[in-house]
Amino acid sequence: MHQQPFPQPTLSVQSHSQGDRNPYVCLECNLMVHKDCVENLPRVISINRHDHRISHTFHLGEKEGDWECGVCRKMINWVYGGYKCSRCPSYAVHSRCATRKEVWDGLELEDVPEEEEEIEDPFKVINDKGDIIHFSHEEHVLRLDENYVTDDANMRCRCCILAINGDPCYRCVECDFILHEACANLPRKKRHLLHNHKLTLSSTLINKDIFHECGACGIYTDGFIYECRHEDCKKKIIKYDVRCSSVSEPFHHDLHQHPLYFTLQSSRRCQACNKEIKDDPLNCTICEGYWKLKR
């Protein structure tokens, strides 16, 4: 973070406006930092916008091109501090953006070993044919069909609830259960920019008559969902259908020529329907327009 020790705080002319804002000053580095930033900013964190841990630094340093914040997509002045990824040299985030509750889970990871994450496979391969036992249908065997064609309009993937016609899929050898190959391979746990905690894939087949409202698009589904099982979210019921959970940045749509990003803005109006967007708008950083995640 900073190698030389900071001397005692120096008086700041703004120290009476917002509590104790006296800065620490390093004369050797010509560095001035708020006391709150030194004492309260976490050193190492994980955020839902990036796969690797990021670390705080008081100087981002110069690079070819501008530093762009991985959350708000606005420019970062390299003279000031921020969070950087040691594995991805061009990835950085504003300090305020990285520590927002919508982005960070609140855990300080300095001195916490970065162990390999436990990966829970969605299925087990049981023979040389590639037959599988999927977590959502453990009572029967599923077999891959590379080019399944059917005239049955009701034959839909039990995960995403979309029709199957010519798509590679896993079919049950004993009943009408069926999954797209891509859906069968969805990870049991994942991080997603819609929520600050890790999400868990859940099958809704135990309660077939229950429909779940997606927290992103508002559509009800009886397909699989990604839900938050963190202790802090048990009463909030955080659930997203698999289609919204697969949305990533940049998001491309046929109706707009530029890439779209999830932003932390709220109370904006959708460019398409003119309705207010309460949460998670998609933003075009070129046109400064906002769109609602809706199907």
Protein backbone atom coordinates (compact mmCIF):
# COMPACT_ATOMS: atom_id res chain seq x y z
CA MET A 1 0.00 0.00 0.00
CA HIS A 2 2.65 2.53 1.13
CA GLN A 3 6.18 1.64 2.27
CA GLN A 4 7.16 4.69 4.35
CA PRO A 5 5.44 5.44 7.68
CA PHE A 6 3.11 8.42 7.77
CA PRO A 7 3.93 11.22 10.24
CA GLN A 8 1.26 12.67 12.50
CA PRO A 9 -1.77 14.15 10.71
CA THR A 10 -1.44 17.72 9.46
CA LEU A 11 -4.15 20.31 9.97
CA SER A 12 -6.51 20.60 7.01
CA VAL A 13 -8.47 23.76 6.26
CA GLN A 14 -11.49 21.53 5.52
CA SER A 15 -11.28 19.54 8.73
CA HIS A 16 -14.31 21.24 10.28
CA SER A 17 -16.71 20.59 7.40
CA GLN A 18 -17.13 16.80 7.49
CA GLY A 19 -15.79 15.51 10.78
CA ASP A 20 -12.10 14.66 11.15
CA ARG A 21 -10.67 15.07 7.63
CA ASN A 22 -7.07 15.82 8.69
CA PRO A 23 -4.72 14.27 6.11
CA TYR A 24 -1.62 12.14 6.53
CA VAL A 25 1.29 13.51 4.50
CA CYS A 26 4.36 11.65 3.20
CA LEU A 27 6.96 14.27 2.24
CA GLU A 28 9.20 11.70 0.56
CA CYS A 29 6.47 10.60 -1.87
CA ASN A 30 4.56 13.89 -2.01
CA LEU A 31 1.49 11.92 -0.91
CA MET A 32 -1.48 13.29 1.01
CA VAL A 33 -4.20 10.94 2.26
CA HIS A 34 -7.27 11.41 4.46
CA LYS A 35 -6.96 9.74 7.85
CA ASP A 36 -10.26 7.91 7.21
CA CYS A 37 -8.92 6.49 3.94
CA VAL A 38 -5.77 5.18 5.63
CA GLU A 39 -7.59 3.60 8.55
CA ASN A 40 -10.90 2.45 7.05
CA LEU A 41 -10.37 1.39 3.44
CA PRO A 42 -9.93 -2.41 3.22
CA ARG A 43 -6.61 -3.57 1.80
CA VAL A 44 -7.70 -6.66 -0.16
CA ILE A 45 -11.27 -7.47 -1.26
CA SER A 46 -13.36 -9.46 -3.72
CA ILE A 47 -16.10 -7.75 -5.72
CA ASN A 48 -18.91 -9.10 -7.88
CA ARG A 49 -17.55 -7.40 -11.01
CA HIS A 50 -14.27 -9.33 -11.20
CA ASP A 51 -13.09 -12.93 -10.83
CA HIS A 52 -9.89 -12.11 -8.90
CA ARG A 53 -9.14 -10.31 -5.67
CA ILE A 54 -8.24 -6.64 -5.94
CA SER A 55 -5.88 -4.64 -3.70
CA HIS A 56 -5.89 -0.98 -2.71
CA THR A 57 -3.08 1.31 -3.78
CA PHE A 58 -2.52 5.04 -3.28
CA HIS A 59 -1.02 5.39 -6.77
CA LEU A 60 -2.43 3.54 -9.77
CA GLY A 61 0.46 4.68 -11.93
CA GLU A 62 0.54 5.58 -15.59
CA LYS A 63 -0.33 3.16 -18.37
CA GLU A 64 -1.03 3.23 -22.07
CA GLY A 65 -4.48 4.76 -22.36
CA ASP A 66 -6.77 5.85 -19.53
CA TRP A 67 -7.68 3.88 -16.43
CA GLU A 68 -11.37 2.96 -16.63
CA CYS A 69 -13.30 1.98 -13.51
CA GLY A 70 -14.56 -1.61 -13.75
CA VAL A 71 -17.79 -0.64 -11.97
CA CYS A 72 -18.96 2.82 -13.09
CA ARG A 73 -16.97 2.76 -16.37
CA LYS A 74 -15.77 6.33 -15.82
CA MET A 75 -12.15 7.44 -15.99
CA ILE A 76 -9.88 7.08 -12.96
CA ASN A 77 -7.21 9.71 -12.41
CA TRP A 78 -4.03 7.64 -12.07
CA VAL A 79 -2.55 10.17 -9.62
CA TYR A 80 -5.12 9.13 -7.02
CA GLY A 81 -5.67 5.80 -5.35
CA GLY A 82 -7.93 2.92 -6.26
CA TYR A 83 -8.11 -0.85 -6.40
CA LYS A 84 -6.04 -2.91 -8.85
CA CYS A 85 -5.92 -6.56 -9.86
CA SER A 86 -2.47 -8.15 -9.70
CA ARG A 87 -3.44 -10.70 -12.36
CA CYS A 88 -5.12 -8.29 -14.79
CA PRO A 89 -2.77 -5.29 -15.25
CA SER A 90 -5.39 -3.06 -16.88
CA TYR A 91 -8.20 -3.65 -14.36
CA ALA A 92 -8.88 -0.97 -11.73
CA VAL A 93 -11.82 0.37 -9.72
CA HIS A 94 -12.51 3.62 -7.89
CA SER A 95 -12.20 3.21 -4.12
CA ARG A 96 -15.78 4.39 -3.61
CA CYS A 97 -17.15 2.10 -6.31
CA ALA A 98 -15.27 -0.96 -5.04
CA THR A 99 -16.51 -0.57 -1.46
CA ARG A 100 -20.18 0.04 -2.23
CA LYS A 101 -22.54 -2.48 -0.62
CA GLU A 102 -23.92 -3.47 -4.04
CA VAL A 103 -20.43 -4.50 -5.16
CA TRP A 104 -18.45 -5.68 -2.11
CA ASP A 105 -19.54 -8.28 0.44
CA GLY A 106 -17.87 -6.40 3.30
CA LEU A 107 -15.06 -8.90 3.94
CA GLU A 108 -11.45 -7.78 4.36
CA LEU A 109 -9.23 -10.48 2.83
CA GLU A 110 -5.76 -9.25 3.76
CA ASP A 111 -3.76 -12.14 5.28
CA VAL A 112 -6.56 -14.54 4.31
CA PRO A 113 -5.06 -17.32 2.13
CA GLU A 114 -6.41 -17.28 -1.40
CA GLU A 115 -7.24 -20.96 -1.60
CA GLU A 116 -8.71 -22.67 -4.59
CA GLU A 117 -12.47 -22.27 -4.49
CA GLU A 118 -14.40 -25.43 -3.84
CA ILE A 119 -16.12 -26.33 -7.09
CA GLU A 120 -19.33 -28.33 -6.89
CA ASP A 121 -20.03 -30.00 -10.22
CA PRO A 122 -23.65 -29.94 -11.45
CA PHE A 123 -23.51 -33.59 -12.52
CA LYS A 124 -21.47 -36.80 -12.40
CA VAL A 125 -20.46 -38.79 -15.49
CA ILE A 126 -21.29 -42.44 -14.77
CA ASN A 127 -20.01 -44.37 -17.81
CA ASP A 128 -17.98 -44.26 -21.02
CA LYS A 129 -21.07 -43.23 -23.02
CA GLY A 130 -21.10 -39.88 -21.22
CA ASP A 131 -24.36 -40.55 -19.37
CA ILE A 132 -24.78 -38.33 -16.33
CA ILE A 133 -26.61 -37.99 -13.04
CA HIS A 134 -27.64 -34.34 -12.66
CA PHE A 135 -28.19 -32.81 -9.22
CA SER A 136 -31.72 -31.77 -10.21
CA HIS A 137 -32.76 -35.27 -11.35
CA GLU A 138 -30.78 -37.75 -9.31
CA GLU A 139 -33.35 -40.54 -9.61
CA HIS A 140 -32.69 -41.19 -13.32
CA VAL A 141 -29.87 -41.18 -15.86
CA LEU A 142 -29.57 -38.42 -18.50
CA ARG A 143 -28.13 -39.10 -21.95
CA LEU A 144 -26.79 -36.55 -24.42
CA ASP A 145 -28.68 -36.11 -27.70
CA GLU A 146 -26.70 -33.93 -30.11
CA ASN A 147 -29.59 -33.05 -32.43
CA TYR A 148 -32.94 -33.62 -30.74
CA VAL A 149 -35.95 -32.58 -32.82
CA THR A 150 -39.53 -32.74 -31.58
CA ASP A 151 -42.98 -31.53 -32.65
CA ASP A 152 -44.11 -31.33 -29.03
CA ALA A 153 -44.48 -27.63 -28.21
CA ASN A 154 -44.60 -28.48 -24.51
CA MET A 155 -41.16 -30.08 -24.57
CA ARG A 156 -39.09 -27.45 -22.82
CA CYS A 157 -35.85 -27.37 -20.92
CA ARG A 158 -36.61 -27.73 -17.21
CA CYS A 159 -33.88 -25.25 -16.37
CA CYS A 160 -34.47 -22.21 -18.62
CA ILE A 161 -38.05 -23.15 -19.73
CA LEU A 162 -37.18 -22.46 -23.37
CA ALA A 163 -38.15 -24.80 -26.21
CA ILE A 164 -35.79 -27.52 -27.37
CA ASN A 165 -35.64 -28.07 -31.11
CA GLY A 166 -32.41 -29.15 -32.71
CA ASP A 167 -30.31 -28.07 -29.72
CA PRO A 168 -27.91 -30.47 -27.99
CA CYS A 169 -29.65 -31.66 -24.84
CA TYR A 170 -29.58 -34.21 -22.06
CA ARG A 171 -32.68 -36.43 -22.06
CA CYS A 172 -33.81 -38.73 -19.30
CA VAL A 173 -33.77 -42.40 -20.35
CA GLU A 174 -36.88 -43.14 -18.26
CA CYS A 175 -39.09 -40.01 -18.26
CA ASP A 176 -39.65 -36.75 -20.14
CA PHE A 177 -37.12 -34.72 -18.13
CA ILE A 178 -34.83 -32.76 -20.43
CA LEU A 179 -32.12 -30.09 -20.18
CA HIS A 180 -30.22 -28.09 -22.74
CA GLU A 181 -26.58 -29.18 -22.72
CA ALA A 182 -25.59 -25.61 -21.82
CA CYS A 183 -28.09 -25.53 -18.95
CA ALA A 184 -26.89 -28.88 -17.62
CA ASN A 185 -23.39 -27.40 -17.40
CA LEU A 186 -24.37 -24.27 -15.46
CA PRO A 187 -22.18 -23.94 -12.33
CA ARG A 188 -23.75 -24.72 -8.97
CA LYS A 189 -22.24 -21.55 -7.50
CA LYS A 190 -21.25 -18.30 -9.16
CA ARG A 191 -20.59 -14.63 -8.57
CA HIS A 192 -22.75 -12.21 -10.48
CA LEU A 193 -22.86 -8.44 -10.78
CA LEU A 194 -26.55 -8.39 -9.77
CA HIS A 195 -25.67 -9.24 -6.15
CA ASN A 196 -22.70 -8.87 -3.80
CA HIS A 197 -22.77 -12.45 -2.44
CA LYS A 198 -22.12 -15.72 -4.24
CA LEU A 199 -25.28 -17.28 -5.73
CA THR A 200 -26.31 -20.95 -5.68
CA LEU A 201 -28.16 -22.74 -8.48
CA SER A 202 -31.37 -24.29 -7.22
CA SER A 203 -33.82 -26.65 -8.88
CA THR A 204 -37.51 -25.81 -8.41
CA LEU A 205 -38.67 -29.34 -9.22
CA ILE A 206 -39.32 -30.29 -5.60
CA ASN A 207 -42.20 -27.80 -5.47
CA LYS A 208 -43.51 -27.95 -9.03
CA ASP A 209 -46.47 -25.67 -8.41
CA ILE A 210 -44.38 -22.79 -7.03
CA PHE A 211 -43.30 -19.96 -9.32
CA HIS A 212 -40.43 -17.66 -8.39
CA GLU A 213 -40.19 -14.00 -9.33
CA CYS A 214 -36.85 -13.04 -10.84
CA GLY A 215 -35.32 -10.16 -8.91
CA ALA A 216 -33.90 -8.65 -12.11
CA CYS A 217 -36.62 -8.79 -14.79
CA GLY A 218 -39.68 -9.39 -12.59
CA ILE A 219 -40.89 -12.39 -14.62
CA TYR A 220 -42.16 -15.46 -12.75
CA THR A 221 -40.57 -18.82 -13.56
CA ASP A 222 -40.84 -22.46 -12.54
CA GLY A 223 -37.39 -23.15 -13.98
CA PHE A 224 -34.10 -23.18 -12.12
CA ILE A 225 -33.00 -20.12 -10.17
CA TYR A 226 -29.83 -18.69 -8.71
CA GLU A 227 -30.45 -17.65 -5.11
CA CYS A 228 -28.45 -16.10 -2.32
CA ARG A 229 -28.09 -18.29 0.76
CA HIS A 230 -25.91 -15.88 2.71
CA GLU A 231 -27.01 -15.30 6.30
CA ASP A 232 -27.61 -11.59 5.65
CA CYS A 233 -30.02 -12.32 2.78
CA LYS A 234 -32.21 -15.09 4.21
CA LYS A 235 -35.06 -12.68 4.91
CA LYS A 236 -34.63 -10.71 1.66
CA ILE A 237 -35.25 -13.66 -0.73
CA ILE A 238 -32.70 -12.84 -3.45
CA LYS A 239 -33.51 -14.91 -6.56
CA TYR A 240 -32.69 -14.61 -10.27
CA ASP A 241 -33.70 -16.85 -13.16
CA VAL A 242 -30.91 -18.48 -15.14
CA ARG A 243 -31.35 -16.19 -18.14
CA CYS A 244 -30.81 -12.98 -16.16
CA SER A 245 -28.03 -14.68 -14.21
CA SER A 246 -26.21 -15.33 -17.47
CA VAL A 247 -26.11 -11.64 -18.46
CA SER A 248 -22.56 -10.35 -18.43
CA GLU A 249 -20.69 -7.16 -19.29
CA PRO A 250 -20.50 -5.77 -21.85
CA PHE A 251 -24.14 -6.52 -22.75
CA HIS A 252 -25.00 -6.31 -26.44
CA HIS A 253 -28.54 -5.75 -27.73
CA ASP A 254 -29.84 -5.59 -31.30
CA LEU A 255 -31.70 -2.34 -30.57
CA HIS A 256 -28.58 -0.40 -29.57
CA GLN A 257 -25.27 -0.03 -31.38
CA HIS A 258 -23.06 0.41 -28.31
CA PRO A 259 -22.19 -2.01 -25.48
CA LEU A 260 -24.21 -1.64 -22.27
CA TYR A 261 -23.04 -1.94 -18.68
CA PHE A 262 -24.74 -2.36 -15.32
CA THR A 263 -24.32 0.82 -13.32
CA LEU A 264 -25.04 1.87 -9.76
CA GLN A 265 -27.40 4.63 -10.82
CA SER A 266 -31.04 4.56 -9.71
CA SER A 267 -34.27 6.42 -10.43
CA ARG A 268 -33.52 6.68 -14.14
CA ARG A 269 -35.97 6.35 -17.02
CA CYS A 270 -35.70 3.62 -19.61
CA GLN A 271 -34.89 4.83 -23.12
CA ALA A 272 -37.20 2.17 -24.58
CA CYS A 273 -40.40 2.30 -22.48
CA ASN A 274 -39.85 5.60 -20.57
CA LYS A 275 -40.70 3.87 -17.28
CA GLU A 276 -38.70 4.51 -14.15
CA ILE A 277 -35.86 2.07 -13.47
CA LYS A 278 -35.62 1.41 -9.75
CA ASP A 279 -32.70 -1.03 -9.73
CA ASP A 280 -29.85 -2.25 -11.92
CA PRO A 281 -30.17 -0.12 -15.07
CA LEU A 282 -28.11 -0.92 -18.14
CA ASN A 283 -26.13 2.14 -19.14
CA CYS A 284 -24.54 3.21 -22.41
CA THR A 285 -21.42 5.15 -21.45
CA ILE A 286 -21.27 6.68 -24.94
CA CYS A 287 -24.86 7.92 -25.29
CA GLU A 288 -25.47 8.36 -21.53
CA GLY A 289 -28.74 6.47 -21.94
CA TYR A 290 -30.31 3.90 -19.61
CA TRP A 291 -32.26 0.71 -20.28
CA LYS A 292 -34.27 -1.59 -18.08
CA LEU A 293 -33.43 -5.29 -17.89
CA LYS A 294 -36.71 -6.71 -19.17
CA ARG A 295 -37.84 -9.57 -21.37
